[in-house]
């Protein structure tokens, strides 16, 4: 089991790009919560908090980080979970030869590291993956074919992350 060192400061030192990681984190927070509140609830997905962490993701990371699951919504624990997710996503991007930038890090955050890799490498995706893409773009694209969906999602989120 990986051991995580808590805090974004340690992650920034490990990646050697403090201003870059700070900018990426600020963009993710702006896209996810607008106001950066630790108490934001997405009623449709169940995501919670400043970084819009899904309860299933929180469950996974609370085990890794030895945080009681019933305490994951506390601000300091959201920060710890986000830092661990961010570190895992950065490592996945590096492993897959993808740049560390706001779009790629957010894509991993939103779609999961494996799902994002499949999207970017034009690999086979499951119906669940396509549903996840469809859920994360404006409804005007709801009738797009699966073949179009990948490109629509990439263009939409690249633009959104550049303008955040």
C-alpha atoms as a PDB file:
ATOM      1  CA  UNK A   1       0.000   0.000   0.000  1.00  0.00           C
ATOM      2  CA  UNK A   2       1.274   3.458  -0.894  1.00  0.00           C
ATOM      3  CA  UNK A   3       1.912   5.842   1.939  1.00  0.00           C
ATOM      4  CA  UNK A   4       0.763   9.393   1.319  1.00  0.00           C
ATOM      5  CA  UNK A   5       2.354  12.467   2.754  1.00  0.00           C
ATOM      6  CA  UNK A   6      -0.405  14.901   3.565  1.00  0.00           C
ATOM      7  CA  UNK A   7      -0.783  18.309   2.070  1.00  0.00           C
ATOM      8  CA  UNK A   8      -0.474  19.996  -1.272  1.00  0.00           C
ATOM      9  CA  UNK A   9       2.839  21.533  -0.215  1.00  0.00           C
ATOM     10  CA  UNK A  10       4.526  18.126  -0.184  1.00  0.00           C
ATOM     11  CA  UNK A  11       2.963  17.216  -3.529  1.00  0.00           C
ATOM     12  CA  UNK A  12       4.210  20.473  -5.003  1.00  0.00           C
ATOM     13  CA  UNK A  13       7.745  19.764  -3.754  1.00  0.00           C
ATOM     14  CA  UNK A  14       7.552  16.218  -5.178  1.00  0.00           C
ATOM     15  CA  UNK A  15       6.424  17.403  -8.612  1.00  0.00           C
ATOM     16  CA  UNK A  16       8.706  20.431  -8.632  1.00  0.00           C
ATOM     17  CA  UNK A  17       6.073  22.746 -10.060  1.00  0.00           C
ATOM     18  CA  UNK A  18       4.493  24.800  -7.303  1.00  0.00           C
ATOM     19  CA  UNK A  19       2.893  27.545  -9.372  1.00  0.00           C
ATOM     20  CA  UNK A  20       1.687  25.037 -11.967  1.00  0.00           C
ATOM     21  CA  UNK A  21       0.024  22.761  -9.382  1.00  0.00           C
ATOM     22  CA  UNK A  22      -1.444  25.764  -7.579  1.00  0.00           C
ATOM     23  CA  UNK A  23      -2.923  27.058 -10.855  1.00  0.00           C
ATOM     24  CA  UNK A  24      -4.305  23.606 -11.723  1.00  0.00           C
ATOM     25  CA  UNK A  25      -5.875  23.223  -8.280  1.00  0.00           C
ATOM     26  CA  UNK A  26      -7.462  26.685  -8.458  1.00  0.00           C
ATOM     27  CA  UNK A  27      -8.939  25.869 -11.882  1.00  0.00           C
ATOM     28  CA  UNK A  28     -10.347  22.562 -10.627  1.00  0.00           C
ATOM     29  CA  UNK A  29     -11.927  24.265  -7.613  1.00  0.00           C
ATOM     30  CA  UNK A  30     -13.408  27.010  -9.818  1.00  0.00           C
ATOM     31  CA  UNK A  31     -14.914  24.475 -12.230  1.00  0.00           C
ATOM     32  CA  UNK A  32     -16.166  22.179  -9.481  1.00  0.00           C
ATOM     33  CA  UNK A  33     -17.612  24.592  -6.918  1.00  0.00           C
ATOM     34  CA  UNK A  34     -17.516  28.187  -8.242  1.00  0.00           C
ATOM     35  CA  UNK A  35     -17.186  29.535  -4.676  1.00  0.00           C
ATOM     36  CA  UNK A  36     -14.694  26.985  -3.302  1.00  0.00           C
ATOM     37  CA  UNK A  37     -16.987  25.878  -0.466  1.00  0.00           C
ATOM     38  CA  UNK A  38     -16.151  22.709   1.417  1.00  0.00           C
ATOM     39  CA  UNK A  39     -19.904  22.140   1.771  1.00  0.00           C
ATOM     40  CA  UNK A  40     -21.003  22.184  -1.892  1.00  0.00           C
ATOM     41  CA  UNK A  41     -23.295  19.273  -2.769  1.00  0.00           C
ATOM     42  CA  UNK A  42     -24.011  18.037  -6.279  1.00  0.00           C
ATOM     43  CA  UNK A  43     -27.473  16.563  -5.858  1.00  0.00           C
ATOM     44  CA  UNK A  44     -27.425  14.698  -9.163  1.00  0.00           C
ATOM     45  CA  UNK A  45     -24.065  12.937  -8.798  1.00  0.00           C
ATOM     46  CA  UNK A  46     -23.637  12.844  -5.023  1.00  0.00           C
ATOM     47  CA  UNK A  47     -20.235  14.552  -5.242  1.00  0.00           C
ATOM     48  CA  UNK A  48     -19.389  16.666  -2.231  1.00  0.00           C
ATOM     49  CA  UNK A  49     -17.117  19.467  -1.141  1.00  0.00           C
ATOM     50  CA  UNK A  50     -14.542  21.856  -2.479  1.00  0.00           C
ATOM     51  CA  UNK A  51     -13.149  19.309  -4.951  1.00  0.00           C
ATOM     52  CA  UNK A  52     -16.449  17.492  -5.642  1.00  0.00           C
ATOM     53  CA  UNK A  53     -15.257  14.111  -4.433  1.00  0.00           C
ATOM     54  CA  UNK A  54     -17.578  11.180  -5.056  1.00  0.00           C
ATOM     55  CA  UNK A  55     -18.448   9.141  -1.942  1.00  0.00           C
ATOM     56  CA  UNK A  56     -17.033   5.979  -3.561  1.00  0.00           C
ATOM     57  CA  UNK A  57     -13.749   7.793  -4.221  1.00  0.00           C
ATOM     58  CA  UNK A  58     -13.746   9.096  -0.646  1.00  0.00           C
ATOM     59  CA  UNK A  59     -14.246   5.544   0.621  1.00  0.00           C
ATOM     60  CA  UNK A  60     -11.244   4.327  -1.382  1.00  0.00           C
ATOM     61  CA  UNK A  61      -8.958   7.136  -0.226  1.00  0.00           C
ATOM     62  CA  UNK A  62     -10.055   7.148   3.413  1.00  0.00           C
ATOM     63  CA  UNK A  63      -8.871   3.541   3.579  1.00  0.00           C
ATOM     64  CA  UNK A  64      -5.526   4.451   1.998  1.00  0.00           C
ATOM     65  CA  UNK A  65      -5.092   7.460   4.251  1.00  0.00           C
ATOM     66  CA  UNK A  66      -6.384   5.904   7.486  1.00  0.00           C
ATOM     67  CA  UNK A  67      -9.148   8.486   7.806  1.00  0.00           C
ATOM     68  CA  UNK A  68     -12.436   7.250   9.315  1.00  0.00           C
ATOM     69  CA  UNK A  69     -14.952   7.252   6.450  1.00  0.00           C
ATOM     70  CA  UNK A  70     -17.515   9.163   8.495  1.00  0.00           C
ATOM     71  CA  UNK A  71     -14.984  12.035   8.765  1.00  0.00           C
ATOM     72  CA  UNK A  72     -14.117  12.479   5.091  1.00  0.00           C
ATOM     73  CA  UNK A  73     -16.272  15.581   4.633  1.00  0.00           C
ATOM     74  CA  UNK A  74     -14.249  17.608   7.148  1.00  0.00           C
ATOM     75  CA  UNK A  75     -12.300  20.317   5.277  1.00  0.00           C
ATOM     76  CA  UNK A  76      -8.861  19.084   6.364  1.00  0.00           C
ATOM     77  CA  UNK A  77      -9.744  15.554   5.219  1.00  0.00           C
ATOM     78  CA  UNK A  78     -11.074  16.789   1.879  1.00  0.00           C
ATOM     79  CA  UNK A  79      -7.717  18.503   1.384  1.00  0.00           C
ATOM     80  CA  UNK A  80      -5.845  15.304   2.257  1.00  0.00           C
ATOM     81  CA  UNK A  81      -7.991  13.198  -0.062  1.00  0.00           C
ATOM     82  CA  UNK A  82      -7.640  15.706  -2.888  1.00  0.00           C
ATOM     83  CA  UNK A  83      -3.848  15.809  -2.440  1.00  0.00           C
ATOM     84  CA  UNK A  84      -3.699  12.007  -2.673  1.00  0.00           C
ATOM     85  CA  UNK A  85      -5.996  11.965  -5.729  1.00  0.00           C
ATOM     86  CA  UNK A  86      -3.904  14.697  -7.338  1.00  0.00           C
ATOM     87  CA  UNK A  87      -0.672  12.793  -6.683  1.00  0.00           C
ATOM     88  CA  UNK A  88      -2.152   9.599  -8.147  1.00  0.00           C
ATOM     89  CA  UNK A  89      -3.444  11.483 -11.199  1.00  0.00           C
ATOM     90  CA  UNK A  90      -0.110  13.215 -11.795  1.00  0.00           C
ATOM     91  CA  UNK A  91       1.695   9.866 -11.513  1.00  0.00           C
ATOM     92  CA  UNK A  92      -0.777   8.273 -13.943  1.00  0.00           C
ATOM     93  CA  UNK A  93      -0.341  11.085 -16.457  1.00  0.00           C
ATOM     94  CA  UNK A  94       3.442  10.769 -16.264  1.00  0.00           C
ATOM     95  CA  UNK A  95       3.244   6.974 -16.627  1.00  0.00           C
ATOM     96  CA  UNK A  96       1.066   7.369 -19.723  1.00  0.00           C
ATOM     97  CA  UNK A  97       3.291  10.046 -21.271  1.00  0.00           C
ATOM     98  CA  UNK A  98       0.707  12.821 -20.939  1.00  0.00           C
ATOM     99  CA  UNK A  99       1.532  16.407 -19.998  1.00  0.00           C
ATOM    100  CA  UNK A 100       0.763  17.756 -16.564  1.00  0.00           C
ATOM    101  CA  UNK A 101      -1.686  20.551 -17.356  1.00  0.00           C
ATOM    102  CA  UNK A 102      -5.087  21.675 -16.101  1.00  0.00           C
ATOM    103  CA  UNK A 103      -7.077  19.798 -18.753  1.00  0.00           C
ATOM    104  CA  UNK A 104      -5.263  16.492 -18.248  1.00  0.00           C
ATOM    105  CA  UNK A 105      -5.300  16.633 -14.457  1.00  0.00           C
ATOM    106  CA  UNK A 106      -8.977  17.598 -14.439  1.00  0.00           C
ATOM    107  CA  UNK A 107      -9.784  14.866 -16.969  1.00  0.00           C
ATOM    108  CA  UNK A 108      -8.252  12.307 -14.606  1.00  0.00           C
ATOM    109  CA  UNK A 109     -10.119  13.866 -11.691  1.00  0.00           C
ATOM    110  CA  UNK A 110     -13.448  13.702 -13.518  1.00  0.00           C
ATOM    111  CA  UNK A 111     -13.155  10.464 -15.507  1.00  0.00           C
ATOM    112  CA  UNK A 112     -10.679   8.509 -13.405  1.00  0.00           C
ATOM    113  CA  UNK A 113      -7.109   7.852 -14.535  1.00  0.00           C
ATOM    114  CA  UNK A 114      -7.915   4.750 -16.582  1.00  0.00           C
ATOM    115  CA  UNK A 115     -11.002   6.302 -18.185  1.00  0.00           C
ATOM    116  CA  UNK A 116      -9.058   9.417 -19.118  1.00  0.00           C
ATOM    117  CA  UNK A 117      -6.261   7.323 -20.640  1.00  0.00           C
ATOM    118  CA  UNK A 118      -8.842   5.500 -22.789  1.00  0.00           C
ATOM    119  CA  UNK A 119     -10.375   8.799 -23.908  1.00  0.00           C
ATOM    120  CA  UNK A 120      -7.071  10.367 -24.857  1.00  0.00           C
ATOM    121  CA  UNK A 121      -5.611   7.268 -26.548  1.00  0.00           C
ATOM    122  CA  UNK A 122      -8.823   6.532 -28.461  1.00  0.00           C
ATOM    123  CA  UNK A 123      -9.065   3.126 -26.779  1.00  0.00           C
ATOM    124  CA  UNK A 124     -12.232   1.085 -26.403  1.00  0.00           C
ATOM    125  CA  UNK A 125     -14.624   2.464 -23.839  1.00  0.00           C
ATOM    126  CA  UNK A 126     -17.537   0.851 -22.017  1.00  0.00           C
ATOM    127  CA  UNK A 127     -21.109   2.116 -22.162  1.00  0.00           C
ATOM    128  CA  UNK A 128     -20.605   3.312 -18.583  1.00  0.00           C
ATOM    129  CA  UNK A 129     -17.647   5.403 -19.778  1.00  0.00           C
ATOM    130  CA  UNK A 130     -19.738   6.982 -22.517  1.00  0.00           C
ATOM    131  CA  UNK A 131     -22.488   7.747 -19.992  1.00  0.00           C
ATOM    132  CA  UNK A 132     -19.895   9.440 -17.778  1.00  0.00           C
ATOM    133  CA  UNK A 133     -18.749  11.565 -20.732  1.00  0.00           C
ATOM    134  CA  UNK A 134     -22.316  12.460 -21.647  1.00  0.00           C
ATOM    135  CA  UNK A 135     -23.100  13.427 -18.043  1.00  0.00           C
ATOM    136  CA  UNK A 136     -20.205  15.883 -18.050  1.00  0.00           C
ATOM    137  CA  UNK A 137     -21.029  17.978 -21.109  1.00  0.00           C
ATOM    138  CA  UNK A 138     -23.922  20.364 -21.841  1.00  0.00           C
ATOM    139  CA  UNK A 139     -27.258  18.709 -22.617  1.00  0.00           C
ATOM    140  CA  UNK A 140     -27.281  20.149 -26.147  1.00  0.00           C
ATOM    141  CA  UNK A 141     -24.898  17.297 -27.017  1.00  0.00           C
ATOM    142  CA  UNK A 142     -27.071  14.543 -25.560  1.00  0.00           C
ATOM    143  CA  UNK A 143     -27.817  13.054 -28.973  1.00  0.00           C
ATOM    144  CA  UNK A 144     -24.211  12.992 -30.175  1.00  0.00           C
ATOM    145  CA  UNK A 145     -23.005   9.575 -31.298  1.00  0.00           C
ATOM    146  CA  UNK A 146     -20.403   7.769 -29.226  1.00  0.00           C
ATOM    147  CA  UNK A 147     -17.905   8.428 -32.006  1.00  0.00           C
ATOM    148  CA  UNK A 148     -18.532  12.185 -31.742  1.00  0.00           C
ATOM    149  CA  UNK A 149     -18.804  12.206 -27.969  1.00  0.00           C
ATOM    150  CA  UNK A 150     -15.125  11.711 -27.204  1.00  0.00           C
ATOM    151  CA  UNK A 151     -14.114  14.668 -29.404  1.00  0.00           C
ATOM    152  CA  UNK A 152     -16.935  16.858 -28.026  1.00  0.00           C
ATOM    153  CA  UNK A 153     -15.910  16.083 -24.453  1.00  0.00           C
ATOM    154  CA  UNK A 154     -12.217  16.808 -25.140  1.00  0.00           C
ATOM    155  CA  UNK A 155     -12.952  20.109 -26.903  1.00  0.00           C
ATOM    156  CA  UNK A 156     -15.488  21.228 -24.314  1.00  0.00           C
ATOM    157  CA  UNK A 157     -13.217  20.580 -21.323  1.00  0.00           C
ATOM    158  CA  UNK A 158     -10.028  21.855 -22.929  1.00  0.00           C
ATOM    159  CA  UNK A 159     -11.807  25.137 -23.626  1.00  0.00           C
ATOM    160  CA  UNK A 160     -13.389  25.278 -20.178  1.00  0.00           C
ATOM    161  CA  UNK A 161     -10.080  24.631 -18.377  1.00  0.00           C
ATOM    162  CA  UNK A 162      -8.231  27.200 -20.502  1.00  0.00           C
ATOM    163  CA  UNK A 163     -10.842  29.827 -19.694  1.00  0.00           C
ATOM    164  CA  UNK A 164     -11.114  29.100 -15.962  1.00  0.00           C
END
